[in-house]
Every structure is written in structure tokens, then in C-alpha cells.
Amino acid sequence: MILIYCISISNTAMIIPDSVLDERGAVGILIRLFESDSSPYITDFDTIIPNPQSRTRVIERMADDMLVTLTSDPLRPVRRTVSLTEKGKRVAEHLRLAKAELESD
């Protein structure tokens, strides 16, 4: 399997045109989830995508592409946590390695 990707340090990816990974902040969210020991809320990604509507749209697209799952908080159902699926873990690992390679030297 060959993956071709190019990641800029600013969390913008040019991977597959019209894929969720081409959305600003998507790569950063996947990598943060991969490196996290918890399932953060959608709002916890505000440093990656400050605009709440944009952040929710990108994460919901990731869910549609089966990269993440969204789970309603039992105490506050309007708040949703985000976690990687197995597919999301595989994609995030490749992206993390590519980012590390680009940042080396």
C-alpha cells in the first residue's frame, strides 16, 4: 500500500482533493486524538479550529468517513466526545509519522 501525502506544519493538508483530510485542521485533530489518552469533547479542539461551526463540520465529516466516533455525554447530551475508530488510528499514525519526518533535521 502506498500513501502519498504532504502535510504543512500549519495543520493544512493536501492529501486527497475533496476528502475530509483536505479540510483545515483535520490532520491536527486526528494526530491529537492519536496522541491522547482520553476522548475529548468537540470544544477541546478550539486551538486547532477556533470557529465552532467549522470545527463541528470537520469532525462530523470525519465521523461520516468513519475516522472518528461521536458519543453524547450522558450528563449533558448536547456535548459530544470524539474518539478514533480503528480506521482513524491507522490514518492518524501515518499522518503523525509524516509530520515528524517533515519536522526532522
PDB file of N, CA and C in Angstrom:
ATOM      1  N   MET A   1       0.834  -1.167   0.000  1.00  0.00           N
ATOM      2  CA  MET A   1       0.000   0.000   0.000  1.00  0.00           C
ATOM      3  C   MET A   1       0.885   1.238   0.000  1.00  0.00           C
ATOM      4  N   ILE A   2       0.606   2.172  -0.860  1.00  0.00           N
ATOM      5  CA  ILE A   2       1.387   3.395  -0.940  1.00  0.00           C
ATOM      6  C   ILE A   2       0.494   4.567  -0.573  1.00  0.00           C
ATOM      7  N   LEU A   3       0.939   5.346   0.392  1.00  0.00           N
ATOM      8  CA  LEU A   3       0.228   6.564   0.759  1.00  0.00           C
ATOM      9  C   LEU A   3       1.049   7.751   0.299  1.00  0.00           C
ATOM     10  N   ILE A   4       0.416   8.674  -0.362  1.00  0.00           N
ATOM     11  CA  ILE A   4       1.093   9.891  -0.778  1.00  0.00           C
ATOM     12  C   ILE A   4       0.443  11.029  -0.025  1.00  0.00           C
ATOM     13  N   TYR A   5       1.248  11.753   0.717  1.00  0.00           N
ATOM     14  CA  TYR A   5       0.687  12.872   1.447  1.00  0.00           C
ATOM     15  C   TYR A   5       1.723  13.963   1.618  1.00  0.00           C
ATOM     16  N   CYS A   6       1.222  15.131   1.825  1.00  0.00           N
ATOM     17  CA  CYS A   6       2.061  16.291   2.083  1.00  0.00           C
ATOM     18  C   CYS A   6       1.369  17.080   3.178  1.00  0.00           C
ATOM     19  N   ILE A   7       2.060  17.305   4.267  1.00  0.00           N
ATOM     20  CA  ILE A   7       1.459  17.999   5.391  1.00  0.00           C
ATOM     21  C   ILE A   7       2.278  19.241   5.688  1.00  0.00           C
ATOM     22  N   SER A   8       1.623  20.352   5.832  1.00  0.00           N
ATOM     23  CA  SER A   8       2.335  21.544   6.267  1.00  0.00           C
ATOM     24  C   SER A   8       2.205  21.640   7.773  1.00  0.00           C
ATOM     25  N   ILE A   9       3.087  22.338   8.387  1.00  0.00           N
ATOM     26  CA  ILE A   9       3.096  22.456   9.831  1.00  0.00           C
ATOM     27  C   ILE A   9       1.862  23.210  10.336  1.00  0.00           C
ATOM     28  N   SER A  10       1.200  23.958   9.497  1.00  0.00           N
ATOM     29  CA  SER A  10       0.042  24.751   9.921  1.00  0.00           C
ATOM     30  C   SER A  10      -1.253  23.941   9.983  1.00  0.00           C
ATOM     31  N   ASN A  11      -1.162  22.625  10.007  1.00  0.00           N
ATOM     32  CA  ASN A  11      -2.334  21.743  10.099  1.00  0.00           C
ATOM     33  C   ASN A  11      -3.199  21.749   8.852  1.00  0.00           C
ATOM     34  N   THR A  12      -2.690  22.222   7.750  1.00  0.00           N
ATOM     35  CA  THR A  12      -3.424  22.170   6.499  1.00  0.00           C
ATOM     36  C   THR A  12      -2.844  21.024   5.688  1.00  0.00           C
ATOM     37  N   ALA A  13      -3.686  20.191   5.164  1.00  0.00           N
ATOM     38  CA  ALA A  13      -3.209  19.040   4.405  1.00  0.00           C
ATOM     39  C   ALA A  13      -3.686  19.125   2.972  1.00  0.00           C
ATOM     40  N   MET A  14      -2.881  18.614   2.086  1.00  0.00           N
ATOM     41  CA  MET A  14      -3.281  18.449   0.695  1.00  0.00           C
ATOM     42  C   MET A  14      -3.073  16.973   0.394  1.00  0.00           C
ATOM     43  N   ILE A  15      -4.044  16.179   0.689  1.00  0.00           N
ATOM     44  CA  ILE A  15      -3.879  14.740   0.591  1.00  0.00           C
ATOM     45  C   ILE A  15      -4.697  14.185  -0.550  1.00  0.00           C
ATOM     46  N   ILE A  16      -5.979  14.203  -0.410  1.00  0.00           N
ATOM     47  CA  ILE A  16      -6.888  13.738  -1.444  1.00  0.00           C
ATOM     48  C   ILE A  16      -7.898  14.857  -1.641  1.00  0.00           C
ATOM     49  N   PRO A  17      -7.919  15.459  -2.802  1.00  0.00           N
ATOM     50  CA  PRO A  17      -8.866  16.556  -3.008  1.00  0.00           C
ATOM     51  C   PRO A  17     -10.284  16.149  -2.634  1.00  0.00           C
ATOM     52  N   ASP A  18     -10.977  17.046  -1.979  1.00  0.00           N
ATOM     53  CA  ASP A  18     -12.364  16.862  -1.550  1.00  0.00           C
ATOM     54  C   ASP A  18     -12.539  15.831  -0.438  1.00  0.00           C
ATOM     55  N   SER A  19     -11.448  15.368   0.177  1.00  0.00           N
ATOM     56  CA  SER A  19     -11.587  14.475   1.330  1.00  0.00           C
ATOM     57  C   SER A  19     -11.574  15.325   2.592  1.00  0.00           C
ATOM     58  N   VAL A  20     -12.020  14.754   3.689  1.00  0.00           N
ATOM     59  CA  VAL A  20     -12.016  15.487   4.953  1.00  0.00           C
ATOM     60  C   VAL A  20     -10.595  15.867   5.350  1.00  0.00           C
ATOM     61  N   LEU A  21      -9.608  15.105   4.929  1.00  0.00           N
ATOM     62  CA  LEU A  21      -8.226  15.413   5.287  1.00  0.00           C
ATOM     63  C   LEU A  21      -7.713  16.667   4.600  1.00  0.00           C
ATOM     64  N   ASP A  22      -8.437  17.138   3.617  1.00  0.00           N
ATOM     65  CA  ASP A  22      -8.075  18.379   2.943  1.00  0.00           C
ATOM     66  C   ASP A  22      -8.642  19.593   3.684  1.00  0.00           C
ATOM     67  N   GLU A  23      -9.456  19.356   4.694  1.00  0.00           N
ATOM     68  CA  GLU A  23     -10.041  20.436   5.493  1.00  0.00           C
ATOM     69  C   GLU A  23      -8.999  20.980   6.471  1.00  0.00           C
ATOM     70  N   ARG A  24      -8.993  22.295   6.632  1.00  0.00           N
ATOM     71  CA  ARG A  24      -8.064  22.928   7.566  1.00  0.00           C
ATOM     72  C   ARG A  24      -8.308  22.389   8.977  1.00  0.00           C
ATOM     73  N   GLY A  25      -7.261  21.912   9.617  1.00  0.00           N
ATOM     74  CA  GLY A  25      -7.335  21.427  10.987  1.00  0.00           C
ATOM     75  C   GLY A  25      -7.603  19.945  11.140  1.00  0.00           C
ATOM     76  N   ALA A  26      -8.040  19.278  10.091  1.00  0.00           N
ATOM     77  CA  ALA A  26      -8.397  17.861  10.206  1.00  0.00           C
ATOM     78  C   ALA A  26      -7.203  17.002  10.610  1.00  0.00           C
ATOM     79  N   VAL A  27      -6.059  17.252  10.000  1.00  0.00           N
ATOM     80  CA  VAL A  27      -4.864  16.463  10.318  1.00  0.00           C
ATOM     81  C   VAL A  27      -4.468  16.679  11.775  1.00  0.00           C
ATOM     82  N   GLY A  28      -4.497  17.925  12.218  1.00  0.00           N
ATOM     83  CA  GLY A  28      -4.150  18.228  13.605  1.00  0.00           C
ATOM     84  C   GLY A  28      -5.069  17.538  14.598  1.00  0.00           C
ATOM     85  N   ILE A  29      -6.351  17.494  14.295  1.00  0.00           N
ATOM     86  CA  ILE A  29      -7.312  16.823  15.174  1.00  0.00           C
ATOM     87  C   ILE A  29      -7.028  15.329  15.234  1.00  0.00           C
ATOM     88  N   LEU A  30      -6.793  14.709  14.090  1.00  0.00           N
ATOM     89  CA  LEU A  30      -6.512  13.268  14.081  1.00  0.00           C
ATOM     90  C   LEU A  30      -5.244  12.946  14.866  1.00  0.00           C
ATOM     91  N   ILE A  31      -4.206  13.747  14.676  1.00  0.00           N
ATOM     92  CA  ILE A  31      -2.954  13.496  15.394  1.00  0.00           C
ATOM     93  C   ILE A  31      -3.151  13.696  16.894  1.00  0.00           C
ATOM     94  N   ARG A  32      -3.855  14.756  17.284  1.00  0.00           N
ATOM     95  CA  ARG A  32      -4.091  14.981  18.720  1.00  0.00           C
ATOM     96  C   ARG A  32      -4.877  13.824  19.324  1.00  0.00           C
ATOM     97  N   LEU A  33      -5.891  13.341  18.623  1.00  0.00           N
ATOM     98  CA  LEU A  33      -6.653  12.194  19.120  1.00  0.00           C
ATOM     99  C   LEU A  33      -5.765  10.963  19.251  1.00  0.00           C
ATOM    100  N   PHE A  34      -4.892  10.754  18.282  1.00  0.00           N
ATOM    101  CA  PHE A  34      -4.000   9.592  18.295  1.00  0.00           C
ATOM    102  C   PHE A  34      -3.064   9.641  19.501  1.00  0.00           C
ATOM    103  N   GLU A  35      -2.614  10.841  19.849  1.00  0.00           N
ATOM    104  CA  GLU A  35      -1.660  11.004  20.945  1.00  0.00           C
ATOM    105  C   GLU A  35      -2.341  11.163  22.301  1.00  0.00           C
ATOM    106  N   SER A  36      -3.661  11.215  22.328  1.00  0.00           N
ATOM    107  CA  SER A  36      -4.414  11.448  23.558  1.00  0.00           C
ATOM    108  C   SER A  36      -4.806  10.136  24.225  1.00  0.00           C
ATOM    109  N   ASP A  37      -4.876  10.183  25.553  1.00  0.00           N
ATOM    110  CA  ASP A  37      -5.320   9.013  26.316  1.00  0.00           C
ATOM    111  C   ASP A  37      -6.801   9.088  26.658  1.00  0.00           C
ATOM    112  N   SER A  38      -7.451  10.161  26.222  1.00  0.00           N
ATOM    113  CA  SER A  38      -8.857  10.344  26.568  1.00  0.00           C
ATOM    114  C   SER A  38      -9.686  10.589  25.314  1.00  0.00           C
ATOM    115  N   SER A  39     -10.968  10.737  25.525  1.00  0.00           N
ATOM    116  CA  SER A  39     -11.880  11.099  24.436  1.00  0.00           C
ATOM    117  C   SER A  39     -12.348  12.530  24.696  1.00  0.00           C
ATOM    118  N   PRO A  40     -11.696  13.506  24.086  1.00  0.00           N
ATOM    119  CA  PRO A  40     -12.039  14.903  24.350  1.00  0.00           C
ATOM    120  C   PRO A  40     -13.384  15.296  23.746  1.00  0.00           C
ATOM    121  N   TYR A  41     -13.901  16.405  24.241  1.00  0.00           N
ATOM    122  CA  TYR A  41     -15.113  16.986  23.664  1.00  0.00           C
ATOM    123  C   TYR A  41     -14.762  17.719  22.373  1.00  0.00           C
ATOM    124  N   ILE A  42     -15.738  17.911  21.514  1.00  0.00           N
ATOM    125  CA  ILE A  42     -15.525  18.672  20.279  1.00  0.00           C
ATOM    126  C   ILE A  42     -14.944  20.045  20.606  1.00  0.00           C
ATOM    127  N   THR A  43     -15.411  20.664  21.675  1.00  0.00           N
ATOM    128  CA  THR A  43     -14.932  22.007  22.040  1.00  0.00           C
ATOM    129  C   THR A  43     -13.459  22.026  22.418  1.00  0.00           C
ATOM    130  N   ASP A  44     -12.886  20.892  22.777  1.00  0.00           N
ATOM    131  CA  ASP A  44     -11.477  20.838  23.171  1.00  0.00           C
ATOM    132  C   ASP A  44     -10.519  21.057  22.002  1.00  0.00           C
ATOM    133  N   PHE A  45     -11.032  21.085  20.794  1.00  0.00           N
ATOM    134  CA  PHE A  45     -10.185  21.297  19.620  1.00  0.00           C
ATOM    135  C   PHE A  45     -10.221  22.752  19.156  1.00  0.00           C
ATOM    136  N   ASP A  46     -10.613  23.650  20.066  1.00  0.00           N
ATOM    137  CA  ASP A  46     -10.738  25.063  19.697  1.00  0.00           C
ATOM    138  C   ASP A  46      -9.412  25.718  19.339  1.00  0.00           C
ATOM    139  N   THR A  47      -8.294  25.176  19.800  1.00  0.00           N
ATOM    140  CA  THR A  47      -6.997  25.745  19.416  1.00  0.00           C
ATOM    141  C   THR A  47      -6.613  25.346  17.994  1.00  0.00           C
ATOM    142  N   ILE A  48      -7.189  24.278  17.493  1.00  0.00           N
ATOM    143  CA  ILE A  48      -6.899  23.827  16.128  1.00  0.00           C
ATOM    144  C   ILE A  48      -7.852  24.491  15.140  1.00  0.00           C
ATOM    145  N   ILE A  49      -9.136  24.476  15.465  1.00  0.00           N
ATOM    146  CA  ILE A  49     -10.151  25.140  14.632  1.00  0.00           C
ATOM    147  C   ILE A  49     -10.971  26.037  15.566  1.00  0.00           C
ATOM    148  N   PRO A  50     -10.651  27.328  15.618  1.00  0.00           N
ATOM    149  CA  PRO A  50     -11.333  28.228  16.554  1.00  0.00           C
ATOM    150  C   PRO A  50     -12.836  28.395  16.311  1.00  0.00           C
ATOM    151  N   ASN A  51     -13.272  28.386  15.080  1.00  0.00           N
ATOM    152  CA  ASN A  51     -14.682  28.614  14.778  1.00  0.00           C
ATOM    153  C   ASN A  51     -15.508  27.371  15.135  1.00  0.00           C
ATOM    154  N   PRO A  52     -16.490  27.503  16.050  1.00  0.00           N
ATOM    155  CA  PRO A  52     -17.261  26.328  16.490  1.00  0.00           C
ATOM    156  C   PRO A  52     -17.999  25.601  15.366  1.00  0.00           C
ATOM    157  N   GLN A  53     -18.587  26.351  14.436  1.00  0.00           N
ATOM    158  CA  GLN A  53     -19.326  25.709  13.343  1.00  0.00           C
ATOM    159  C   GLN A  53     -18.376  24.947  12.420  1.00  0.00           C
ATOM    160  N   SER A  54     -17.235  25.548  12.111  1.00  0.00           N
ATOM    161  CA  SER A  54     -16.251  24.875  11.250  1.00  0.00           C
ATOM    162  C   SER A  54     -15.710  23.632  11.928  1.00  0.00           C
ATOM    163  N   ARG A  55     -15.403  23.748  13.220  1.00  0.00           N
ATOM    164  CA  ARG A  55     -14.864  22.619  13.983  1.00  0.00           C
ATOM    165  C   ARG A  55     -15.859  21.456  13.984  1.00  0.00           C
ATOM    166  N   THR A  56     -17.113  21.745  14.259  1.00  0.00           N
ATOM    167  CA  THR A  56     -18.139  20.697  14.280  1.00  0.00           C
ATOM    168  C   THR A  56     -18.315  20.077  12.900  1.00  0.00           C
ATOM    169  N   ARG A  57     -18.313  20.906  11.855  1.00  0.00           N
ATOM    170  CA  ARG A  57     -18.479  20.399  10.486  1.00  0.00           C
ATOM    171  C   ARG A  57     -17.346  19.442  10.123  1.00  0.00           C
ATOM    172  N   VAL A  58     -16.096  19.821  10.439  1.00  0.00           N
ATOM    173  CA  VAL A  58     -14.948  18.963  10.106  1.00  0.00           C
ATOM    174  C   VAL A  58     -15.036  17.642  10.869  1.00  0.00           C
ATOM    175  N   ILE A  59     -15.335  17.709  12.155  1.00  0.00           N
ATOM    176  CA  ILE A  59     -15.394  16.486  12.958  1.00  0.00           C
ATOM    177  C   ILE A  59     -16.561  15.600  12.523  1.00  0.00           C
ATOM    178  N   GLU A  60     -17.686  16.190  12.171  1.00  0.00           N
ATOM    179  CA  GLU A  60     -18.804  15.383  11.666  1.00  0.00           C
ATOM    180  C   GLU A  60     -18.463  14.742  10.324  1.00  0.00           C
ATOM    181  N   ARG A  61     -17.692  15.430   9.489  1.00  0.00           N
ATOM    182  CA  ARG A  61     -17.229  14.805   8.232  1.00  0.00           C
ATOM    183  C   ARG A  61     -16.315  13.626   8.529  1.00  0.00           C
ATOM    184  N   MET A  62     -15.461  13.767   9.537  1.00  0.00           N
ATOM    185  CA  MET A  62     -14.598  12.650   9.939  1.00  0.00           C
ATOM    186  C   MET A  62     -15.443  11.465  10.398  1.00  0.00           C
ATOM    187  N   ALA A  63     -16.521  11.748  11.110  1.00  0.00           N
ATOM    188  CA  ALA A  63     -17.421  10.672  11.550  1.00  0.00           C
ATOM    189  C   ALA A  63     -18.095  10.014  10.345  1.00  0.00           C
ATOM    190  N   ASP A  64     -18.512  10.821   9.371  1.00  0.00           N
ATOM    191  CA  ASP A  64     -19.118  10.274   8.148  1.00  0.00           C
ATOM    192  C   ASP A  64     -18.145   9.368   7.401  1.00  0.00           C
ATOM    193  N   ASP A  65     -16.843   9.718   7.455  1.00  0.00           N
ATOM    194  CA  ASP A  65     -15.809   8.917   6.793  1.00  0.00           C
ATOM    195  C   ASP A  65     -15.294   7.788   7.681  1.00  0.00           C
ATOM    196  N   MET A  66     -15.938   7.602   8.832  1.00  0.00           N
ATOM    197  CA  MET A  66     -15.606   6.537   9.779  1.00  0.00           C
ATOM    198  C   MET A  66     -14.183   6.630  10.320  1.00  0.00           C
ATOM    199  N   LEU A  67     -13.687   7.857  10.485  1.00  0.00           N
ATOM    200  CA  LEU A  67     -12.384   8.069  11.112  1.00  0.00           C
ATOM    201  C   LEU A  67     -12.530   8.273  12.615  1.00  0.00           C
ATOM    202  N   VAL A  68     -13.668   8.823  13.032  1.00  0.00           N
ATOM    203  CA  VAL A  68     -13.943   9.052  14.449  1.00  0.00           C
ATOM    204  C   VAL A  68     -15.373   8.637  14.775  1.00  0.00           C
ATOM    205  N   THR A  69     -15.604   8.441  16.066  1.00  0.00           N
ATOM    206  CA  THR A  69     -16.970   8.244  16.547  1.00  0.00           C
ATOM    207  C   THR A  69     -17.303   9.396  17.484  1.00  0.00           C
ATOM    208  N   LEU A  70     -18.552   9.807  17.452  1.00  0.00           N
ATOM    209  CA  LEU A  70     -19.051  10.862  18.327  1.00  0.00           C
ATOM    210  C   LEU A  70     -20.014  10.228  19.321  1.00  0.00           C
ATOM    211  N   THR A  71     -19.816  10.527  20.605  1.00  0.00           N
ATOM    212  CA  THR A  71     -20.651   9.958  21.651  1.00  0.00           C
ATOM    213  C   THR A  71     -21.194  11.077  22.525  1.00  0.00           C
ATOM    214  N   SER A  72     -22.500  11.097  22.725  1.00  0.00           N
ATOM    215  CA  SER A  72     -23.109  12.111  23.590  1.00  0.00           C
ATOM    216  C   SER A  72     -22.734  11.855  25.042  1.00  0.00           C
ATOM    217  N   ASP A  73     -22.413  12.923  25.753  1.00  0.00           N
ATOM    218  CA  ASP A  73     -22.114  12.854  27.177  1.00  0.00           C
ATOM    219  C   ASP A  73     -23.408  12.477  27.907  1.00  0.00           C
ATOM    220  N   PRO A  74     -23.378  11.462  28.782  1.00  0.00           N
ATOM    221  CA  PRO A  74     -24.608  11.037  29.451  1.00  0.00           C
ATOM    222  C   PRO A  74     -25.216  12.121  30.355  1.00  0.00           C
ATOM    223  N   LEU A  75     -24.375  12.990  30.907  1.00  0.00           N
ATOM    224  CA  LEU A  75     -24.883  14.042  31.788  1.00  0.00           C
ATOM    225  C   LEU A  75     -25.316  15.289  31.027  1.00  0.00           C
ATOM    226  N   ARG A  76     -24.678  15.530  29.899  1.00  0.00           N
ATOM    227  CA  ARG A  76     -25.001  16.697  29.069  1.00  0.00           C
ATOM    228  C   ARG A  76     -25.044  16.251  27.617  1.00  0.00           C
ATOM    229  N   PRO A  77     -26.171  15.724  27.155  1.00  0.00           N
ATOM    230  CA  PRO A  77     -26.275  15.127  25.820  1.00  0.00           C
ATOM    231  C   PRO A  77     -25.884  16.041  24.657  1.00  0.00           C
ATOM    232  N   VAL A  78     -25.944  17.357  24.844  1.00  0.00           N
ATOM    233  CA  VAL A  78     -25.552  18.243  23.744  1.00  0.00           C
ATOM    234  C   VAL A  78     -24.039  18.265  23.559  1.00  0.00           C
ATOM    235  N   ARG A  79     -23.292  17.841  24.575  1.00  0.00           N
ATOM    236  CA  ARG A  79     -21.830  17.756  24.464  1.00  0.00           C
ATOM    237  C   ARG A  79     -21.457  16.367  23.961  1.00  0.00           C
ATOM    238  N   ARG A  80     -20.574  16.339  22.974  1.00  0.00           N
ATOM    239  CA  ARG A  80     -20.174  15.048  22.405  1.00  0.00           C
ATOM    240  C   ARG A  80     -18.667  14.862  22.515  1.00  0.00           C
ATOM    241  N   THR A  81     -18.269  13.642  22.863  1.00  0.00           N
ATOM    242  CA  THR A  81     -16.853  13.306  22.876  1.00  0.00           C
ATOM    243  C   THR A  81     -16.476  12.713  21.527  1.00  0.00           C
ATOM    244  N   VAL A  82     -15.183  12.793  21.230  1.00  0.00           N
ATOM    245  CA  VAL A  82     -14.654  12.324  19.951  1.00  0.00           C
ATOM    246  C   VAL A  82     -13.612  11.253  20.236  1.00  0.00           C
ATOM    247  N   SER A  83     -13.676  10.141  19.530  1.00  0.00           N
ATOM    248  CA  SER A  83     -12.646   9.108  19.652  1.00  0.00           C
ATOM    249  C   SER A  83     -12.364   8.514  18.278  1.00  0.00           C
ATOM    250  N   LEU A  84     -11.138   8.035  18.128  1.00  0.00           N
ATOM    251  CA  LEU A  84     -10.726   7.448  16.852  1.00  0.00           C
ATOM    252  C   LEU A  84     -11.303   6.049  16.677  1.00  0.00           C
ATOM    253  N   THR A  85     -11.674   5.734  15.466  1.00  0.00           N
ATOM    254  CA  THR A  85     -12.022   4.361  15.100  1.00  0.00           C
ATOM    255  C   THR A  85     -10.715   3.645  14.755  1.00  0.00           C
ATOM    256  N   GLU A  86     -10.777   2.369  14.494  1.00  0.00           N
ATOM    257  CA  GLU A  86      -9.568   1.648  14.065  1.00  0.00           C
ATOM    258  C   GLU A  86      -9.025   2.245  12.766  1.00  0.00           C
ATOM    259  N   LYS A  87      -9.918   2.548  11.845  1.00  0.00           N
ATOM    260  CA  LYS A  87      -9.509   3.183  10.587  1.00  0.00           C
ATOM    261  C   LYS A  87      -8.846   4.529  10.878  1.00  0.00           C
ATOM    262  N   GLY A  88      -9.438   5.310  11.767  1.00  0.00           N
ATOM    263  CA  GLY A  88      -8.884   6.605  12.138  1.00  0.00           C
ATOM    264  C   GLY A  88      -7.506   6.482  12.764  1.00  0.00           C
ATOM    265  N   LYS A  89      -7.304   5.448  13.584  1.00  0.00           N
ATOM    266  CA  LYS A  89      -5.990   5.218  14.203  1.00  0.00           C
ATOM    267  C   LYS A  89      -4.934   4.940  13.146  1.00  0.00           C
ATOM    268  N   ARG A  90      -5.289   4.133  12.154  1.00  0.00           N
ATOM    269  CA  ARG A  90      -4.316   3.824  11.096  1.00  0.00           C
ATOM    270  C   ARG A  90      -3.952   5.079  10.307  1.00  0.00           C
ATOM    271  N   VAL A  91      -4.953   5.856   9.932  1.00  0.00           N
ATOM    272  CA  VAL A  91      -4.706   7.089   9.175  1.00  0.00           C
ATOM    273  C   VAL A  91      -3.892   8.064  10.020  1.00  0.00           C
ATOM    274  N   ALA A  92      -4.274   8.245  11.283  1.00  0.00           N
ATOM    275  CA  ALA A  92      -3.580   9.190  12.166  1.00  0.00           C
ATOM    276  C   ALA A  92      -2.126   8.796  12.379  1.00  0.00           C
ATOM    277  N   GLU A  93      -1.862   7.505  12.492  1.00  0.00           N
ATOM    278  CA  GLU A  93      -0.478   7.066  12.681  1.00  0.00           C
ATOM    279  C   GLU A  93       0.374   7.437  11.474  1.00  0.00           C
ATOM    280  N   HIS A  94      -0.137   7.225  10.282  1.00  0.00           N
ATOM    281  CA  HIS A  94       0.601   7.609   9.071  1.00  0.00           C
ATOM    282  C   HIS A  94       0.824   9.122   9.028  1.00  0.00           C
ATOM    283  N   LEU A  95      -0.186   9.877   9.376  1.00  0.00           N
ATOM    284  CA  LEU A  95      -0.064  11.338   9.358  1.00  0.00           C
ATOM    285  C   LEU A  95       0.941  11.824  10.395  1.00  0.00           C
ATOM    286  N   ARG A  96       0.925  11.217  11.579  1.00  0.00           N
ATOM    287  CA  ARG A  96       1.875  11.598  12.631  1.00  0.00           C
ATOM    288  C   ARG A  96       3.307  11.318  12.194  1.00  0.00           C
ATOM    289  N   LEU A  97       3.526  10.169  11.579  1.00  0.00           N
ATOM    290  CA  LEU A  97       4.867   9.830  11.097  1.00  0.00           C
ATOM    291  C   LEU A  97       5.318  10.790  10.000  1.00  0.00           C
ATOM    292  N   ALA A  98       4.415  11.137   9.102  1.00  0.00           N
ATOM    293  CA  ALA A  98       4.755  12.078   8.032  1.00  0.00           C
ATOM    294  C   ALA A  98       5.090  13.449   8.604  1.00  0.00           C
ATOM    295  N   LYS A  99       4.318  13.895   9.570  1.00  0.00           N
ATOM    296  CA  LYS A  99       4.578  15.195  10.194  1.00  0.00           C
ATOM    297  C   LYS A  99       5.929  15.193  10.897  1.00  0.00           C
ATOM    298  N   ALA A 100       6.235  14.115  11.622  1.00  0.00           N
ATOM    299  CA  ALA A 100       7.523  14.008  12.312  1.00  0.00           C
ATOM    300  C   ALA A 100       8.676  14.040  11.317  1.00  0.00           C
ATOM    301  N   GLU A 101       8.508  13.376  10.197  1.00  0.00           N
ATOM    302  CA  GLU A 101       9.551  13.370   9.164  1.00  0.00           C
ATOM    303  C   GLU A 101       9.768  14.771   8.606  1.00  0.00           C
ATOM    304  N   LEU A 102       8.689  15.490   8.370  1.00  0.00           N
ATOM    305  CA  LEU A 102       8.800  16.848   7.838  1.00  0.00           C
ATOM    306  C   LEU A 102       9.442  17.805   8.833  1.00  0.00           C
ATOM    307  N   GLU A 103       9.242  17.559  10.118  1.00  0.00           N
ATOM    308  CA  GLU A 103       9.786  18.439  11.150  1.00  0.00           C
ATOM    309  C   GLU A 103      11.205  18.066  11.554  1.00  0.00           C
ATOM    310  N   SER A 104      11.720  16.929  11.096  1.00  0.00           N
ATOM    311  CA  SER A 104      13.064  16.491  11.486  1.00  0.00           C
ATOM    312  C   SER A 104      14.135  17.308  10.773  1.00  0.00           C
ATOM    313  N   ASP A 105      15.304  17.259  11.331  1.00  0.00           N
ATOM    314  CA  ASP A 105      16.511  17.960  10.848  1.00  0.00           C
ATOM    315  C   ASP A 105      16.561  19.333  11.295  1.00  0.00           C
TER     316      ASP A 105
END
